[in-house]
PDB file of N, CA and C in Angstrom:
ATOM      1  N   LEU A   1     -12.089  -4.534  -1.400  1.00  0.00           N
ATOM      2  CA  LEU A   1     -10.815  -3.314  -1.635  1.00  0.00           C
ATOM      3  C   LEU A   1      -9.814  -4.276  -1.938  1.00  0.00           C
ATOM      4  N   THR A   2      -9.352  -4.905  -0.075  1.00  0.00           N
ATOM      5  CA  THR A   2      -8.703  -6.213  -0.509  1.00  0.00           C
ATOM      6  C   THR A   2      -8.032  -7.300  -1.682  1.00  0.00           C
ATOM      7  N   ASP A   3      -9.183  -7.917  -2.146  1.00  0.00           N
ATOM      8  CA  ASP A   3      -8.757  -8.674  -3.737  1.00  0.00           C
ATOM      9  C   ASP A   3      -8.657  -7.795  -4.132  1.00  0.00           C
ATOM     10  N   HIS A   4      -9.130  -6.739  -4.852  1.00  0.00           N
ATOM     11  CA  HIS A   4      -8.601  -5.306  -5.954  1.00  0.00           C
ATOM     12  C   HIS A   4      -7.337  -5.124  -5.776  1.00  0.00           C
ATOM     13  N   CYS A   5      -6.839  -4.928  -4.774  1.00  0.00           N
ATOM     14  CA  CYS A   5      -5.139  -4.824  -4.403  1.00  0.00           C
ATOM     15  C   CYS A   5      -4.555  -5.947  -4.957  1.00  0.00           C
ATOM     16  N   GLN A   6      -4.884  -7.172  -3.858  1.00  0.00           N
ATOM     17  CA  GLN A   6      -4.036  -7.895  -3.959  1.00  0.00           C
ATOM     18  C   GLN A   6      -4.020  -7.880  -5.941  1.00  0.00           C
ATOM     19  N   THR A   7      -4.961  -8.200  -6.198  1.00  0.00           N
ATOM     20  CA  THR A   7      -5.325  -8.253  -8.137  1.00  0.00           C
ATOM     21  C   THR A   7      -3.828  -7.308  -9.163  1.00  0.00           C
ATOM     22  N   TYR A   8      -4.118  -6.007  -8.626  1.00  0.00           N
ATOM     23  CA  TYR A   8      -3.268  -5.088  -8.900  1.00  0.00           C
ATOM     24  C   TYR A   8      -1.901  -5.618  -8.368  1.00  0.00           C
ATOM     25  N   ILE A   9      -1.892  -5.630  -7.308  1.00  0.00           N
ATOM     26  CA  ILE A   9       0.432  -6.505  -6.613  1.00  0.00           C
ATOM     27  C   ILE A   9       0.061  -7.199  -7.667  1.00  0.00           C
ATOM     28  N   GLN A  10      -0.720  -8.251  -8.088  1.00  0.00           N
ATOM     29  CA  GLN A  10      -0.171  -9.384  -8.089  1.00  0.00           C
ATOM     30  C   GLN A  10       0.473  -8.998 -10.016  1.00  0.00           C
ATOM     31  N   ASP A  11      -0.717  -8.425 -10.310  1.00  0.00           N
ATOM     32  CA  ASP A  11      -0.602  -7.887 -12.016  1.00  0.00           C
ATOM     33  C   ASP A  11       0.559  -6.694 -11.718  1.00  0.00           C
ATOM     34  N   ILE A  12       0.993  -6.153 -11.850  1.00  0.00           N
ATOM     35  CA  ILE A  12       2.214  -5.310 -11.654  1.00  0.00           C
ATOM     36  C   ILE A  12       3.319  -5.699 -11.175  1.00  0.00           C
ATOM     37  N   TRP A  13       3.527  -6.680 -10.026  1.00  0.00           N
ATOM     38  CA  TRP A  13       4.437  -6.884  -9.142  1.00  0.00           C
ATOM     39  C   TRP A  13       5.119  -8.361  -9.630  1.00  0.00           C
ATOM     40  N   HIS A  14       3.883  -8.829  -9.829  1.00  0.00           N
ATOM     41  CA  HIS A  14       3.910 -10.861 -10.034  1.00  0.00           C
ATOM     42  C   HIS A  14       3.699 -11.156  -7.824  1.00  0.00           C
ATOM     43  N   GLY A  15       2.856 -10.412  -7.541  1.00  0.00           N
ATOM     44  CA  GLY A  15       2.232 -10.678  -6.625  1.00  0.00           C
ATOM     45  C   GLY A  15       3.592 -10.249  -4.788  1.00  0.00           C
ATOM     46  N   HIS A  16       4.546  -9.643  -5.098  1.00  0.00           N
ATOM     47  CA  HIS A  16       5.337  -9.649  -4.068  1.00  0.00           C
ATOM     48  C   HIS A  16       5.905  -7.473  -4.078  1.00  0.00           C
ATOM     49  N   ILE A  17       5.469  -7.079  -3.729  1.00  0.00           N
ATOM     50  CA  ILE A  17       6.160  -4.923  -3.687  1.00  0.00           C
ATOM     51  C   ILE A  17       7.600  -5.866  -2.658  1.00  0.00           C
ATOM     52  N   PRO A  18       8.716  -4.976  -2.776  1.00  0.00           N
ATOM     53  CA  PRO A  18       9.709  -4.742  -2.609  1.00  0.00           C
ATOM     54  C   PRO A  18       9.482  -4.140  -1.730  1.00  0.00           C
ATOM     55  N   PRO A  19      10.038  -4.340   0.136  1.00  0.00           N
ATOM     56  CA  PRO A  19       9.650  -3.501   1.271  1.00  0.00           C
ATOM     57  C   PRO A  19      11.057  -2.179   0.477  1.00  0.00           C
ATOM     58  N   GLY A  20      10.590  -1.316   1.358  1.00  0.00           N
ATOM     59  CA  GLY A  20      10.919   0.671   0.856  1.00  0.00           C
ATOM     60  C   GLY A  20      10.539   0.041  -0.655  1.00  0.00           C
ATOM     61  N   SER A  21       9.296  -0.015  -1.112  1.00  0.00           N
ATOM     62  CA  SER A  21       9.248   0.806  -2.277  1.00  0.00           C
ATOM     63  C   SER A  21       7.585   1.250  -1.881  1.00  0.00           C
ATOM     64  N   CYS A  22       6.812   1.482  -2.611  1.00  0.00           N
ATOM     65  CA  CYS A  22       5.310   2.416  -2.548  1.00  0.00           C
ATOM     66  C   CYS A  22       4.983   2.494  -4.460  1.00  0.00           C
ATOM     67  N   MET A  23       3.303   2.219  -3.624  1.00  0.00           N
ATOM     68  CA  MET A  23       2.640   1.893  -5.523  1.00  0.00           C
ATOM     69  C   MET A  23       1.502   2.554  -5.062  1.00  0.00           C
ATOM     70  N   ILE A  24       0.516   3.369  -5.759  1.00  0.00           N
ATOM     71  CA  ILE A  24      -0.285   3.381  -5.565  1.00  0.00           C
ATOM     72  C   ILE A  24      -1.803   3.197  -6.667  1.00  0.00           C
ATOM     73  N   VAL A  25      -2.278   2.636  -5.606  1.00  0.00           N
ATOM     74  CA  VAL A  25      -3.739   1.688  -6.475  1.00  0.00           C
ATOM     75  C   VAL A  25      -4.898   2.263  -6.653  1.00  0.00           C
ATOM     76  N   THR A  26      -5.494   2.833  -7.767  1.00  0.00           N
ATOM     77  CA  THR A  26      -6.412   3.490  -8.077  1.00  0.00           C
ATOM     78  C   THR A  26      -7.803   3.015  -7.618  1.00  0.00           C
ATOM     79  N   LEU A  27      -8.788   2.880  -6.519  1.00  0.00           N
ATOM     80  CA  LEU A  27      -9.525   2.430  -6.295  1.00  0.00           C
ATOM     81  C   LEU A  27     -10.797   1.858  -7.607  1.00  0.00           C
ATOM     82  N   PRO A  28     -11.582   0.762  -6.596  1.00  0.00           N
ATOM     83  CA  PRO A  28     -12.624   0.907  -7.937  1.00  0.00           C
ATOM     84  C   PRO A  28     -13.382   1.368  -7.692  1.00  0.00           C
ATOM     85  N   ASP A  29     -14.034   1.686  -9.166  1.00  0.00           N
ATOM     86  CA  ASP A  29     -15.631   2.669  -8.656  1.00  0.00           C
ATOM     87  C   ASP A  29     -16.537   2.358  -7.303  1.00  0.00           C
ATOM     88  N   ASP A  30     -16.710   1.323  -7.277  1.00  0.00           N
ATOM     89  CA  ASP A  30     -17.933   1.220  -6.213  1.00  0.00           C
ATOM     90  C   ASP A  30     -17.340   1.700  -5.003  1.00  0.00           C
ATOM     91  N   VAL A  31     -16.412   1.666  -4.480  1.00  0.00           N
ATOM     92  CA  VAL A  31     -15.160   2.408  -3.561  1.00  0.00           C
ATOM     93  C   VAL A  31     -14.811   3.793  -3.675  1.00  0.00           C
ATOM     94  N   ALA A  32     -14.768   4.040  -4.855  1.00  0.00           N
ATOM     95  CA  ALA A  32     -14.765   5.934  -5.172  1.00  0.00           C
ATOM     96  C   ALA A  32     -15.556   6.257  -5.370  1.00  0.00           C
ATOM     97  N   SER A  33     -16.879   5.548  -6.092  1.00  0.00           N
ATOM     98  CA  SER A  33     -18.173   6.558  -5.667  1.00  0.00           C
ATOM     99  C   SER A  33     -18.292   7.700  -4.266  1.00  0.00           C
ATOM    100  N   THR A  34     -19.646   8.166  -4.761  1.00  0.00           N
ATOM    101  CA  THR A  34     -20.052   8.996  -3.943  1.00  0.00           C
ATOM    102  C   THR A  34     -20.268   9.008  -2.714  1.00  0.00           C
ATOM    103  N   GLY A  35     -20.373   7.167  -1.997  1.00  0.00           N
ATOM    104  CA  GLY A  35     -20.537   7.354  -0.614  1.00  0.00           C
ATOM    105  C   GLY A  35     -18.792   6.933   0.308  1.00  0.00           C
ATOM    106  N   ASN A  36     -18.198   7.093  -0.316  1.00  0.00           N
ATOM    107  CA  ASN A  36     -16.913   7.568   0.110  1.00  0.00           C
ATOM    108  C   ASN A  36     -16.076   9.172   1.163  1.00  0.00           C
ATOM    109  N   PRO A  37     -16.808   8.779   1.946  1.00  0.00           N
ATOM    110  CA  PRO A  37     -16.611   9.177   3.187  1.00  0.00           C
ATOM    111  C   PRO A  37     -15.226  10.430   3.669  1.00  0.00           C
ATOM    112  N   CYS A  38     -14.350   9.868   2.161  1.00  0.00           N
ATOM    113  CA  CYS A  38     -13.092  10.957   2.591  1.00  0.00           C
ATOM    114  C   CYS A  38     -13.153  11.242   0.668  1.00  0.00           C
ATOM    115  N   ASP A  39     -13.787  11.195   0.284  1.00  0.00           N
ATOM    116  CA  ASP A  39     -13.646  11.065  -1.622  1.00  0.00           C
ATOM    117  C   ASP A  39     -12.297  10.804  -1.744  1.00  0.00           C
ATOM    118  N   ALA A  40     -11.735   9.052  -1.221  1.00  0.00           N
ATOM    119  CA  ALA A  40     -10.129   8.724  -1.904  1.00  0.00           C
ATOM    120  C   ALA A  40     -11.446   8.814  -2.736  1.00  0.00           C
ATOM    121  N   TYR A  41      -9.514   8.443  -3.866  1.00  0.00           N
ATOM    122  CA  TYR A  41      -9.994   7.999  -5.584  1.00  0.00           C
ATOM    123  C   TYR A  41      -8.574   6.853  -5.350  1.00  0.00           C
ATOM    124  N   ALA A  42      -7.512   6.858  -4.445  1.00  0.00           N
ATOM    125  CA  ALA A  42      -6.470   5.931  -4.572  1.00  0.00           C
ATOM    126  C   ALA A  42      -6.170   5.426  -3.445  1.00  0.00           C
ATOM    127  N   LEU A  43      -5.653   4.190  -3.075  1.00  0.00           N
ATOM    128  CA  LEU A  43      -4.778   3.712  -2.276  1.00  0.00           C
ATOM    129  C   LEU A  43      -3.130   3.796  -2.069  1.00  0.00           C
ATOM    130  N   ALA A  44      -2.446   4.360  -1.230  1.00  0.00           N
ATOM    131  CA  ALA A  44      -1.140   4.388  -1.162  1.00  0.00           C
ATOM    132  C   ALA A  44      -0.632   2.814  -0.384  1.00  0.00           C
ATOM    133  N   ILE A  45       0.163   1.568  -1.037  1.00  0.00           N
ATOM    134  CA  ILE A  45       0.725   1.059  -0.473  1.00  0.00           C
ATOM    135  C   ILE A  45       2.336   0.856  -0.636  1.00  0.00           C
ATOM    136  N   SER A  46       2.575   0.681   0.825  1.00  0.00           N
ATOM    137  CA  SER A  46       3.910   0.851   0.961  1.00  0.00           C
ATOM    138  C   SER A  46       4.484  -0.365   1.921  1.00  0.00           C
ATOM    139  N   PRO A  47       5.286  -1.325   1.647  1.00  0.00           N
ATOM    140  CA  PRO A  47       4.920  -2.195   2.528  1.00  0.00           C
ATOM    141  C   PRO A  47       6.079  -2.229   3.762  1.00  0.00           C
ATOM    142  N   THR A  48       6.385  -2.736   5.017  1.00  0.00           N
ATOM    143  CA  THR A  48       7.599  -2.331   5.293  1.00  0.00           C
ATOM    144  C   THR A  48       8.485  -4.099   5.721  1.00  0.00           C
ATOM    145  N   MET A  49       7.645  -5.197   5.200  1.00  0.00           N
ATOM    146  CA  MET A  49       8.342  -6.553   5.390  1.00  0.00           C
ATOM    147  C   MET A  49       7.984  -7.189   4.177  1.00  0.00           C
ATOM    148  N   ARG A  50       8.577  -8.141   4.514  1.00  0.00           N
ATOM    149  CA  ARG A  50       7.698  -9.368   3.339  1.00  0.00           C
ATOM    150  C   ARG A  50       6.762  -9.969   3.678  1.00  0.00           C
ATOM    151  N   ALA A  51       6.549 -10.729   5.053  1.00  0.00           N
ATOM    152  CA  ALA A  51       6.189 -11.377   5.310  1.00  0.00           C
ATOM    153  C   ALA A  51       6.501 -10.948   7.350  1.00  0.00           C
ATOM    154  N   PRO A  52       5.152 -10.808   8.031  1.00  0.00           N
ATOM    155  CA  PRO A  52       5.408 -10.674   9.567  1.00  0.00           C
ATOM    156  C   PRO A  52       6.137 -11.152  10.250  1.00  0.00           C
ATOM    157  N   ASP A  53       6.977  -9.933  11.126  1.00  0.00           N
ATOM    158  CA  ASP A  53       8.266 -10.444  11.842  1.00  0.00           C
ATOM    159  C   ASP A  53       8.608  -9.340  12.866  1.00  0.00           C
ATOM    160  N   ASP A  54       9.412  -9.871  14.322  1.00  0.00           N
ATOM    161  CA  ASP A  54       9.317  -9.050  14.968  1.00  0.00           C
ATOM    162  C   ASP A  54      10.853  -7.773  13.590  1.00  0.00           C
ATOM    163  N   ASP A  55       9.887  -6.748  14.474  1.00  0.00           N
ATOM    164  CA  ASP A  55      10.636  -5.825  13.981  1.00  0.00           C
ATOM    165  C   ASP A  55      11.236  -4.843  14.976  1.00  0.00           C
ATOM    166  N   SER A  56      11.774  -4.883  15.844  1.00  0.00           N
ATOM    167  CA  SER A  56      12.425  -4.069  16.795  1.00  0.00           C
ATOM    168  C   SER A  56      13.590  -4.198  16.580  1.00  0.00           C
ATOM    169  N   TRP A  57      13.884  -4.753  15.706  1.00  0.00           N
ATOM    170  CA  TRP A  57      15.357  -4.093  15.107  1.00  0.00           C
ATOM    171  C   TRP A  57      15.764  -2.906  14.470  1.00  0.00           C
ATOM    172  N   HIS A  58      14.832  -3.205  14.271  1.00  0.00           N
ATOM    173  CA  HIS A  58      14.355  -1.261  13.099  1.00  0.00           C
ATOM    174  C   HIS A  58      13.182  -0.589  13.847  1.00  0.00           C
ATOM    175  N   GLN A  59      13.868  -0.037  14.396  1.00  0.00           N
ATOM    176  CA  GLN A  59      12.964   1.132  15.387  1.00  0.00           C
ATOM    177  C   GLN A  59      11.509   2.085  14.385  1.00  0.00           C
ATOM    178  N   ASP A  60      13.071   2.538  13.516  1.00  0.00           N
ATOM    179  CA  ASP A  60      12.735   3.881  12.482  1.00  0.00           C
ATOM    180  C   ASP A  60      11.895   3.006  10.854  1.00  0.00           C
ATOM    181  N   LEU A  61      10.860   1.496  11.492  1.00  0.00           N
ATOM    182  CA  LEU A  61      10.767   1.663   9.825  1.00  0.00           C
ATOM    183  C   LEU A  61       9.227   2.551   9.635  1.00  0.00           C
ATOM    184  N   VAL A  62       8.604   2.220  10.267  1.00  0.00           N
ATOM    185  CA  VAL A  62       7.519   3.059   9.871  1.00  0.00           C
ATOM    186  C   VAL A  62       7.745   4.427  10.048  1.00  0.00           C
ATOM    187  N   TYR A  63       8.873   5.692  10.457  1.00  0.00           N
ATOM    188  CA  TYR A  63       9.092   6.337   9.808  1.00  0.00           C
ATOM    189  C   TYR A  63       9.490   6.958   8.686  1.00  0.00           C
ATOM    190  N   ASN A  64      10.605   5.893   8.174  1.00  0.00           N
ATOM    191  CA  ASN A  64      10.847   5.502   6.775  1.00  0.00           C
ATOM    192  C   ASN A  64      10.160   5.371   6.183  1.00  0.00           C
ATOM    193  N   THR A  65       9.020   4.019   6.035  1.00  0.00           N
ATOM    194  CA  THR A  65       8.058   4.253   5.082  1.00  0.00           C
ATOM    195  C   THR A  65       7.150   5.759   4.753  1.00  0.00           C
ATOM    196  N   MET A  66       6.722   6.851   6.023  1.00  0.00           N
ATOM    197  CA  MET A  66       6.266   7.425   5.744  1.00  0.00           C
ATOM    198  C   MET A  66       6.913   8.365   5.097  1.00  0.00           C
ATOM    199  N   TRP A  67       8.024   8.395   4.999  1.00  0.00           N
ATOM    200  CA  TRP A  67       8.931   9.912   4.833  1.00  0.00           C
ATOM    201  C   TRP A  67       8.807   9.561   3.066  1.00  0.00           C
ATOM    202  N   LEU A  68       9.025   8.146   2.377  1.00  0.00           N
ATOM    203  CA  LEU A  68       9.007   7.343   1.269  1.00  0.00           C
ATOM    204  C   LEU A  68       7.401   7.936   0.909  1.00  0.00           C
ATOM    205  N   LEU A  69       6.484   7.795   1.329  1.00  0.00           N
ATOM    206  CA  LEU A  69       5.429   8.471   0.768  1.00  0.00           C
ATOM    207  C   LEU A  69       4.758   9.409   1.087  1.00  0.00           C
ATOM    208  N   LEU A  70       5.924  10.117   1.340  1.00  0.00           N
ATOM    209  CA  LEU A  70       5.509  11.977   0.892  1.00  0.00           C
ATOM    210  C   LEU A  70       6.586  12.093   0.021  1.00  0.00           C
ATOM    211  N   VAL A  71       7.961  11.343  -0.405  1.00  0.00           N
ATOM    212  CA  VAL A  71       8.556  11.925  -1.044  1.00  0.00           C
ATOM    213  C   VAL A  71       7.958  11.776  -2.364  1.00  0.00           C
TER     214      VAL A  71
END
């Protein structure tokens, strides 16, 4: 699943999704099959930062990312 998502990101965004954006990745057939306990067919990718870093300066980062996903 990780390789599938990374390949999709590489193809669409040339390897980097800007923080504050959201993209929907369709799951591959072997993951989205009947054995999927949530019956999910897509995955939302919403990065909060480009590289892991201290986020104590921005306490609303996860809150804002969740709203981005819902809107």
